């Protein structure tokens, strides 16, 4: 079975990775905070972080960067989603959206894999969503209580089964898994008995 060294301080991401790869891979959580590259590209941020973490831990590692890109706000908060969430919270995002009819947004994810002394590879996922007019629910993490997936009337925060419905990170994680499965012979360090 594959073993994935996931470097993150976000326990919600760990839960989602474990849910998505249940029975396919062991997720070894390495809890570690690190500075991220400032960029408008999730992919560049994830690849830079994966390379630095692979060198730091001397292990093949996976990192994930994601963001909420709101169309009416010209993609804000985008790659700064975590920072903005900590500063103004969900109420702040809703305040910025007051009076705006266009609630369309995108949840995007970039998952990057890197081995020490090698170049990182990345895998992308996204999904179109809409922004709620109020905070609803307590499931998930981050912006989930204000994000309504397409085809639903409830926010992710209102859905206990949110990990089964949320697809942007799942798509990126599944692409990572398929890559690692196909390239198992690259490094025995991500295999376990």
Protein backbone atom coordinates (compact mmCIF):
# COMPACT_ATOMS: atom_id res chain seq x y z
CA UNK A 1 0.00 0.00 0.00
CA UNK A 2 1.21 3.50 -0.75
CA UNK A 3 2.37 5.68 2.11
CA UNK A 4 1.97 9.43 1.69
CA UNK A 5 3.83 11.88 3.91
CA UNK A 6 1.38 14.78 4.08
CA UNK A 7 2.90 17.98 5.49
CA UNK A 8 0.25 20.34 6.86
CA UNK A 9 -0.91 22.00 10.06
CA UNK A 10 -4.53 21.74 8.87
CA UNK A 11 -6.24 18.71 10.44
CA UNK A 12 -9.22 19.15 8.12
CA UNK A 13 -7.01 18.47 5.11
CA UNK A 14 -5.63 15.36 6.80
CA UNK A 15 -9.17 14.07 7.38
CA UNK A 16 -10.10 14.68 3.74
CA UNK A 17 -6.94 12.97 2.40
CA UNK A 18 -7.63 9.96 4.64
CA UNK A 19 -11.25 9.82 3.52
CA UNK A 20 -10.37 10.08 -0.18
CA UNK A 21 -7.61 7.46 -0.03
CA UNK A 22 -9.18 5.07 2.47
CA UNK A 23 -8.00 1.54 1.68
CA UNK A 24 -5.62 2.81 -1.02
CA UNK A 25 -2.90 4.65 0.91
CA UNK A 26 -1.65 5.32 4.42
CA UNK A 27 -1.53 9.02 5.22
CA UNK A 28 1.41 9.81 7.47
CA UNK A 29 0.59 13.27 8.82
CA UNK A 30 3.62 15.47 9.44
CA UNK A 31 2.26 18.41 11.39
CA UNK A 32 4.39 21.37 10.44
CA UNK A 33 3.79 25.04 9.71
CA UNK A 34 5.87 26.63 6.99
CA UNK A 35 6.01 29.90 5.10
CA UNK A 36 4.49 29.89 1.66
CA UNK A 37 5.60 31.59 -1.50
CA UNK A 38 3.48 34.66 -2.31
CA UNK A 39 2.00 34.07 -5.75
CA UNK A 40 -1.27 34.23 -7.65
CA UNK A 41 -0.70 30.59 -8.66
CA UNK A 42 -1.75 27.78 -6.29
CA UNK A 43 0.38 25.42 -8.35
CA UNK A 44 3.55 27.51 -7.91
CA UNK A 45 2.91 27.79 -4.16
CA UNK A 46 2.34 24.04 -3.73
CA UNK A 47 5.37 23.04 -5.81
CA UNK A 48 7.66 25.48 -3.99
CA UNK A 49 6.42 24.23 -0.60
CA UNK A 50 6.77 20.56 -1.57
CA UNK A 51 10.35 21.06 -2.73
CA UNK A 52 11.34 22.88 0.46
CA UNK A 53 9.59 20.32 2.72
CA UNK A 54 11.17 17.37 0.88
CA UNK A 55 14.59 18.89 1.49
CA UNK A 56 13.74 19.82 5.09
CA UNK A 57 12.47 16.36 6.09
CA UNK A 58 14.64 14.36 3.65
CA UNK A 59 11.50 12.45 2.66
CA UNK A 60 9.15 12.28 -0.29
CA UNK A 61 6.32 14.60 0.75
CA UNK A 62 2.94 15.89 -0.34
CA UNK A 63 1.60 19.37 0.33
CA UNK A 64 -1.72 20.92 -0.68
CA UNK A 65 -2.64 24.53 -1.26
CA UNK A 66 -6.18 25.60 -1.95
CA UNK A 67 -8.28 28.69 -2.19
CA UNK A 68 -11.68 30.20 -2.74
CA UNK A 69 -11.83 32.40 -5.86
CA UNK A 70 -14.92 34.63 -5.91
CA UNK A 71 -15.80 35.87 -9.37
CA UNK A 72 -17.43 39.18 -8.32
CA UNK A 73 -14.35 39.99 -6.19
CA UNK A 74 -11.98 39.35 -9.13
CA UNK A 75 -10.76 36.07 -7.65
CA UNK A 76 -10.34 37.33 -4.07
CA UNK A 77 -9.37 35.85 -1.60
CA UNK A 78 -7.75 33.31 -3.96
CA UNK A 79 -4.28 32.17 -2.92
CA UNK A 80 -4.58 34.27 0.25
CA UNK A 81 -7.72 32.44 1.43
CA UNK A 82 -6.24 31.08 4.66
CA UNK A 83 -4.70 34.42 5.59
CA UNK A 84 -7.90 36.34 4.82
CA UNK A 85 -9.97 33.75 6.72
CA UNK A 86 -7.81 34.34 9.80
CA UNK A 87 -8.04 38.13 9.46
CA UNK A 88 -11.67 38.88 8.52
CA UNK A 89 -13.35 35.48 8.83
CA UNK A 90 -16.51 34.32 7.14
CA UNK A 91 -18.41 37.41 8.27
CA UNK A 92 -15.84 39.61 6.55
CA UNK A 93 -16.22 37.73 3.26
CA UNK A 94 -20.02 38.00 3.49
CA UNK A 95 -19.71 41.73 4.25
CA UNK A 96 -17.67 42.17 1.05
CA UNK A 97 -20.41 40.31 -0.85
CA UNK A 98 -23.30 42.44 0.46
CA UNK A 99 -25.54 43.61 -2.37
CA UNK A 100 -23.71 41.50 -4.98
CA UNK A 101 -26.01 39.27 -7.02
CA UNK A 102 -23.26 37.25 -8.72
CA UNK A 103 -22.41 34.63 -6.07
CA UNK A 104 -20.35 32.42 -8.41
CA UNK A 105 -16.99 31.21 -7.09
CA UNK A 106 -14.47 28.42 -7.54
CA UNK A 107 -12.85 26.20 -4.96
CA UNK A 108 -9.39 25.25 -6.29
CA UNK A 109 -6.72 22.85 -5.07
CA UNK A 110 -3.11 22.17 -6.01
CA UNK A 111 -1.51 19.02 -4.58
CA UNK A 112 2.25 18.75 -5.04
CA UNK A 113 4.56 15.77 -4.57
CA UNK A 114 8.33 15.98 -4.28
CA UNK A 115 11.22 13.71 -3.39
CA UNK A 116 14.48 15.07 -1.99
CA UNK A 117 16.82 16.40 -4.70
CA UNK A 118 14.11 16.11 -7.36
CA UNK A 119 11.67 18.50 -8.99
CA UNK A 120 8.08 18.60 -7.72
CA UNK A 121 5.01 17.55 -9.71
CA UNK A 122 1.55 18.94 -9.11
CA UNK A 123 -2.05 17.95 -9.60
CA UNK A 124 -4.98 20.35 -9.86
CA UNK A 125 -8.65 20.16 -9.00
CA UNK A 126 -11.45 22.70 -8.97
CA UNK A 127 -15.18 23.02 -8.73
CA UNK A 128 -17.69 25.76 -9.33
CA UNK A 129 -19.62 26.79 -6.21
CA UNK A 130 -21.63 29.75 -4.99
CA UNK A 131 -21.34 31.91 -1.92
CA UNK A 132 -24.16 31.78 0.60
CA UNK A 133 -25.71 34.96 2.00
CA UNK A 134 -25.14 33.73 5.56
CA UNK A 135 -22.98 31.35 7.59
CA UNK A 136 -24.67 27.96 7.86
CA UNK A 137 -23.45 24.82 9.58
CA UNK A 138 -20.34 23.71 11.42
CA UNK A 139 -19.05 20.81 9.32
CA UNK A 140 -15.86 21.05 7.31
CA UNK A 141 -13.35 23.84 7.78
CA UNK A 142 -12.29 27.16 6.32
CA UNK A 143 -14.94 28.65 4.06
CA UNK A 144 -17.18 25.54 4.00
CA UNK A 145 -20.01 27.19 6.02
CA UNK A 146 -20.49 29.85 3.29
CA UNK A 147 -19.87 27.66 0.21
CA UNK A 148 -22.75 25.95 -1.58
CA UNK A 149 -21.75 23.23 -4.07
CA UNK A 150 -23.45 23.19 -7.47
CA UNK A 151 -26.67 21.20 -7.44
CA UNK A 152 -27.26 21.74 -3.71
CA UNK A 153 -29.14 24.24 -1.58
CA UNK A 154 -27.03 23.70 1.56
CA UNK A 155 -23.50 24.81 2.37
CA UNK A 156 -20.75 22.27 2.91
CA UNK A 157 -20.93 23.36 6.54
CA UNK A 158 -24.47 21.95 6.76
CA UNK A 159 -23.49 18.55 5.34
CA UNK A 160 -22.09 15.86 7.62
CA UNK A 161 -21.14 13.98 4.43
CA UNK A 162 -19.24 16.99 3.00
CA UNK A 163 -16.09 14.95 2.23
CA UNK A 164 -18.13 12.67 -0.03
CA UNK A 165 -19.52 15.64 -1.99
CA UNK A 166 -16.60 18.09 -2.07
CA UNK A 167 -14.75 17.41 -5.30
CA UNK A 168 -12.07 20.06 -5.87
CA UNK A 169 -9.53 18.55 -3.46
CA UNK A 170 -10.69 14.98 -4.16
CA UNK A 171 -9.91 15.41 -7.88
CA UNK A 172 -6.38 16.65 -7.15
CA UNK A 173 -5.76 13.88 -4.58
CA UNK A 174 -6.98 11.18 -6.97
CA UNK A 175 -4.62 12.48 -9.68
CA UNK A 176 -1.77 12.30 -7.14
CA UNK A 177 -2.73 8.73 -6.20
CA UNK A 178 -2.84 7.61 -9.84
CA UNK A 179 0.57 9.18 -10.45
CA UNK A 180 2.13 7.47 -7.41
CA UNK A 181 0.53 4.13 -8.27
CA UNK A 182 1.83 4.33 -11.84
CA UNK A 183 5.32 5.41 -10.72
CA UNK A 184 5.80 3.14 -7.69
CA UNK A 185 9.25 2.16 -8.86
CA UNK A 186 10.46 5.78 -8.62
CA UNK A 187 11.11 5.41 -4.93
CA UNK A 188 10.48 2.59 -2.50
CA UNK A 189 10.24 5.15 0.28
CA UNK A 190 6.56 5.68 -0.36
CA UNK A 191 5.67 2.01 -0.13
CA UNK A 192 4.81 0.11 3.00
CA UNK A 193 4.10 -3.55 3.73
